[in-house]
Amino acid sequence: QVDLVESGGGSVQAGGSMRLSCAASGNVDSRDIMGWFRQAPGKKREGVAAIGRDGDTYRESLKGRFLISRDNAKNTLYLQMNILNAEDTAMYYCAAGSKYYSLQESDYPYWGKGTLVTISS
């Protein structure tokens, strides 16, 4: 079992930046893939980015603006988000335990409860 707790959400103006964190505890395996997902109001949850020991992957539309990183010594996952706009408003979720560099929800057995990010214009 892996427990995940996200933090760092809040409200920021369009054009600004924000960094999300996800603290993992329990049976954390550094070989597993961790990822970020988001769900905007009225929309399905979508994959944002994922990271493992050998690299990372991003939703195509977010490349260049979002950066995922991971500190295995601290069991913490990060998401740096830049040049934010209203379409980035969503609940952001941390996920863990995937064996693949995947942006598919079904590949992740462990989930946090989310942190809300609101972008104001």
C-alpha atoms as a PDB file:
ATOM      1  CA  GLN A   1       0.000   0.000   0.000  1.00  0.00           C
ATOM      2  CA  VAL A   2       1.199   3.482  -0.904  1.00  0.00           C
ATOM      3  CA  ASP A   3      -0.333   6.652   0.492  1.00  0.00           C
ATOM      4  CA  LEU A   4      -0.103   9.863  -1.513  1.00  0.00           C
ATOM      5  CA  VAL A   5      -0.765  13.403  -0.313  1.00  0.00           C
ATOM      6  CA  GLU A   6      -0.736  16.313  -2.733  1.00  0.00           C
ATOM      7  CA  SER A   7      -0.037  19.921  -1.792  1.00  0.00           C
ATOM      8  CA  GLY A   8       0.741  23.248  -3.407  1.00  0.00           C
ATOM      9  CA  GLY A   9      -2.557  23.959  -5.098  1.00  0.00           C
ATOM     10  CA  GLY A  10      -4.390  27.250  -4.874  1.00  0.00           C
ATOM     11  CA  SER A  11      -5.254  30.229  -7.014  1.00  0.00           C
ATOM     12  CA  VAL A  12      -2.910  32.067  -9.361  1.00  0.00           C
ATOM     13  CA  GLN A  13      -3.365  34.597 -12.118  1.00  0.00           C
ATOM     14  CA  ALA A  14      -3.074  33.638 -15.752  1.00  0.00           C
ATOM     15  CA  GLY A  15       0.523  33.692 -16.885  1.00  0.00           C
ATOM     16  CA  GLY A  16       1.805  32.708 -13.469  1.00  0.00           C
ATOM     17  CA  SER A  17       3.512  29.575 -12.186  1.00  0.00           C
ATOM     18  CA  MET A  18       2.821  27.008  -9.521  1.00  0.00           C
ATOM     19  CA  ARG A  19       4.579  23.938  -8.156  1.00  0.00           C
ATOM     20  CA  LEU A  20       2.676  20.967  -6.859  1.00  0.00           C
ATOM     21  CA  SER A  21       4.154  18.364  -4.522  1.00  0.00           C
ATOM     22  CA  CYS A  22       3.109  14.828  -3.724  1.00  0.00           C
ATOM     23  CA  ALA A  23       4.462  13.097  -0.630  1.00  0.00           C
ATOM     24  CA  ALA A  24       4.467   9.323  -0.836  1.00  0.00           C
ATOM     25  CA  SER A  25       4.601   6.957   2.122  1.00  0.00           C
ATOM     26  CA  GLY A  26       4.247   3.247   2.730  1.00  0.00           C
ATOM     27  CA  ASN A  27       5.633   0.617   0.365  1.00  0.00           C
ATOM     28  CA  VAL A  28       7.113   3.069  -2.097  1.00  0.00           C
ATOM     29  CA  ASP A  29       9.139   1.415  -4.832  1.00  0.00           C
ATOM     30  CA  SER A  30      11.512   3.819  -6.582  1.00  0.00           C
ATOM     31  CA  ARG A  31      11.427   1.553  -9.650  1.00  0.00           C
ATOM     32  CA  ASP A  32       7.731   2.241 -10.186  1.00  0.00           C
ATOM     33  CA  ILE A  33       6.419   5.051 -12.331  1.00  0.00           C
ATOM     34  CA  MET A  34       4.680   8.011 -10.718  1.00  0.00           C
ATOM     35  CA  GLY A  35       2.438  10.457 -12.485  1.00  0.00           C
ATOM     36  CA  TRP A  36       0.205  13.494 -12.376  1.00  0.00           C
ATOM     37  CA  PHE A  37      -3.356  13.590 -13.653  1.00  0.00           C
ATOM     38  CA  ARG A  38      -5.959  16.330 -13.693  1.00  0.00           C
ATOM     39  CA  GLN A  39      -9.687  16.683 -13.972  1.00  0.00           C
ATOM     40  CA  ALA A  40     -11.255  19.934 -15.070  1.00  0.00           C
ATOM     41  CA  PRO A  41     -14.871  20.756 -14.183  1.00  0.00           C
ATOM     42  CA  GLY A  42     -17.227  18.744 -16.360  1.00  0.00           C
ATOM     43  CA  LYS A  43     -14.425  16.817 -18.055  1.00  0.00           C
ATOM     44  CA  LYS A  44     -12.821  13.408 -17.768  1.00  0.00           C
ATOM     45  CA  ARG A  45      -9.603  12.947 -15.853  1.00  0.00           C
ATOM     46  CA  GLU A  46      -6.561  13.109 -18.113  1.00  0.00           C
ATOM     47  CA  GLY A  47      -2.908  12.259 -17.787  1.00  0.00           C
ATOM     48  CA  VAL A  48      -0.478  15.149 -17.422  1.00  0.00           C
ATOM     49  CA  ALA A  49       2.968  13.619 -16.995  1.00  0.00           C
ATOM     50  CA  ALA A  50       4.739  10.552 -15.663  1.00  0.00           C
ATOM     51  CA  ILE A  51       8.274   9.869 -14.501  1.00  0.00           C
ATOM     52  CA  GLY A  52      10.473   6.887 -13.734  1.00  0.00           C
ATOM     53  CA  ARG A  53      14.143   6.061 -13.368  1.00  0.00           C
ATOM     54  CA  ASP A  54      14.740   6.055 -17.115  1.00  0.00           C
ATOM     55  CA  GLY A  55      12.849   9.143 -18.162  1.00  0.00           C
ATOM     56  CA  ASP A  56       9.513  10.877 -18.357  1.00  0.00           C
ATOM     57  CA  THR A  57       6.564  11.444 -20.631  1.00  0.00           C
ATOM     58  CA  TYR A  58       4.110  14.310 -21.039  1.00  0.00           C
ATOM     59  CA  ARG A  59       0.744  15.047 -22.481  1.00  0.00           C
ATOM     60  CA  GLU A  60       1.668  16.485 -25.851  1.00  0.00           C
ATOM     61  CA  SER A  61      -0.198  19.751 -25.347  1.00  0.00           C
ATOM     62  CA  LEU A  62       1.633  20.456 -22.070  1.00  0.00           C
ATOM     63  CA  LYS A  63       5.199  19.891 -23.218  1.00  0.00           C
ATOM     64  CA  GLY A  64       7.358  22.926 -22.639  1.00  0.00           C
ATOM     65  CA  ARG A  65       5.093  24.401 -19.951  1.00  0.00           C
ATOM     66  CA  PHE A  66       4.964  21.628 -17.369  1.00  0.00           C
ATOM     67  CA  LEU A  67       7.915  19.818 -15.815  1.00  0.00           C
ATOM     68  CA  ILE A  68       7.696  16.669 -13.706  1.00  0.00           C
ATOM     69  CA  SER A  69      10.445  15.723 -11.272  1.00  0.00           C
ATOM     70  CA  ARG A  70      10.989  13.307  -8.451  1.00  0.00           C
ATOM     71  CA  ASP A  71      13.141  13.138  -5.339  1.00  0.00           C
ATOM     72  CA  ASN A  72      13.409   9.468  -4.413  1.00  0.00           C
ATOM     73  CA  ALA A  73      15.325  10.235  -1.207  1.00  0.00           C
ATOM     74  CA  LYS A  74      12.330  12.252   0.002  1.00  0.00           C
ATOM     75  CA  ASN A  75       9.695  10.054  -1.703  1.00  0.00           C
ATOM     76  CA  THR A  76       8.284  13.202  -3.228  1.00  0.00           C
ATOM     77  CA  LEU A  77       6.937  13.935  -6.687  1.00  0.00           C
ATOM     78  CA  TYR A  78       6.742  17.440  -8.118  1.00  0.00           C
ATOM     79  CA  LEU A  79       4.975  19.207 -10.957  1.00  0.00           C
ATOM     80  CA  GLN A  80       6.224  22.628 -12.007  1.00  0.00           C
ATOM     81  CA  MET A  81       3.585  24.431 -14.047  1.00  0.00           C
ATOM     82  CA  ASN A  82       4.409  27.594 -15.987  1.00  0.00           C
ATOM     83  CA  ILE A  83       2.525  30.113 -18.113  1.00  0.00           C
ATOM     84  CA  LEU A  84      -0.723  28.921 -16.621  1.00  0.00           C
ATOM     85  CA  ASN A  85      -4.034  29.675 -18.281  1.00  0.00           C
ATOM     86  CA  ALA A  86      -7.700  29.166 -17.513  1.00  0.00           C
ATOM     87  CA  GLU A  87      -7.710  25.752 -19.208  1.00  0.00           C
ATOM     88  CA  ASP A  88      -5.275  24.515 -16.568  1.00  0.00           C
ATOM     89  CA  THR A  89      -7.910  24.976 -13.848  1.00  0.00           C
ATOM     90  CA  ALA A  90      -8.527  21.501 -12.467  1.00  0.00           C
ATOM     91  CA  MET A  91      -8.145  19.119  -9.582  1.00  0.00           C
ATOM     92  CA  TYR A  92      -4.641  17.669  -9.844  1.00  0.00           C
ATOM     93  CA  TYR A  93      -4.000  14.123  -8.686  1.00  0.00           C
ATOM     94  CA  CYS A  94      -0.812  12.252  -7.910  1.00  0.00           C
ATOM     95  CA  ALA A  95      -0.667   8.573  -8.842  1.00  0.00           C
ATOM     96  CA  ALA A  96       1.884   5.824  -8.218  1.00  0.00           C
ATOM     97  CA  GLY A  97       2.656   2.193  -8.798  1.00  0.00           C
ATOM     98  CA  SER A  98       2.638   1.959 -12.566  1.00  0.00           C
ATOM     99  CA  LYS A  99       5.016  -0.416 -14.338  1.00  0.00           C
ATOM    100  CA  TYR A 100       4.797   1.645 -17.532  1.00  0.00           C
ATOM    101  CA  TYR A 101       5.469   5.219 -18.628  1.00  0.00           C
ATOM    102  CA  SER A 102       1.756   5.638 -18.923  1.00  0.00           C
ATOM    103  CA  LEU A 103      -0.791   8.435 -18.880  1.00  0.00           C
ATOM    104  CA  GLN A 104      -3.624   5.936 -18.511  1.00  0.00           C
ATOM    105  CA  GLU A 105      -5.454   5.911 -15.195  1.00  0.00           C
ATOM    106  CA  SER A 106      -5.854   2.158 -15.219  1.00  0.00           C
ATOM    107  CA  ASP A 107      -2.098   1.638 -14.976  1.00  0.00           C
ATOM    108  CA  TYR A 108      -1.889   3.278 -11.551  1.00  0.00           C
ATOM    109  CA  PRO A 109      -3.123   1.420  -8.459  1.00  0.00           C
ATOM    110  CA  TYR A 110      -2.452   4.209  -5.952  1.00  0.00           C
ATOM    111  CA  TRP A 111      -3.996   7.674  -5.916  1.00  0.00           C
ATOM    112  CA  GLY A 112      -3.987  10.800  -3.810  1.00  0.00           C
ATOM    113  CA  LYS A 113      -7.098  12.829  -3.047  1.00  0.00           C
ATOM    114  CA  GLY A 114      -6.049  15.756  -5.198  1.00  0.00           C
ATOM    115  CA  THR A 115      -5.212  19.416  -4.872  1.00  0.00           C
ATOM    116  CA  LEU A 116      -7.248  22.146  -6.550  1.00  0.00           C
ATOM    117  CA  VAL A 117      -5.585  24.568  -8.950  1.00  0.00           C
ATOM    118  CA  THR A 118      -7.553  27.621 -10.039  1.00  0.00           C
ATOM    119  CA  ILE A 119      -6.305  30.036 -12.670  1.00  0.00           C
ATOM    120  CA  SER A 120      -7.893  33.462 -12.697  1.00  0.00           C
ATOM    121  CA  SER A 121      -7.839  35.823 -15.650  1.00  0.00           C
END
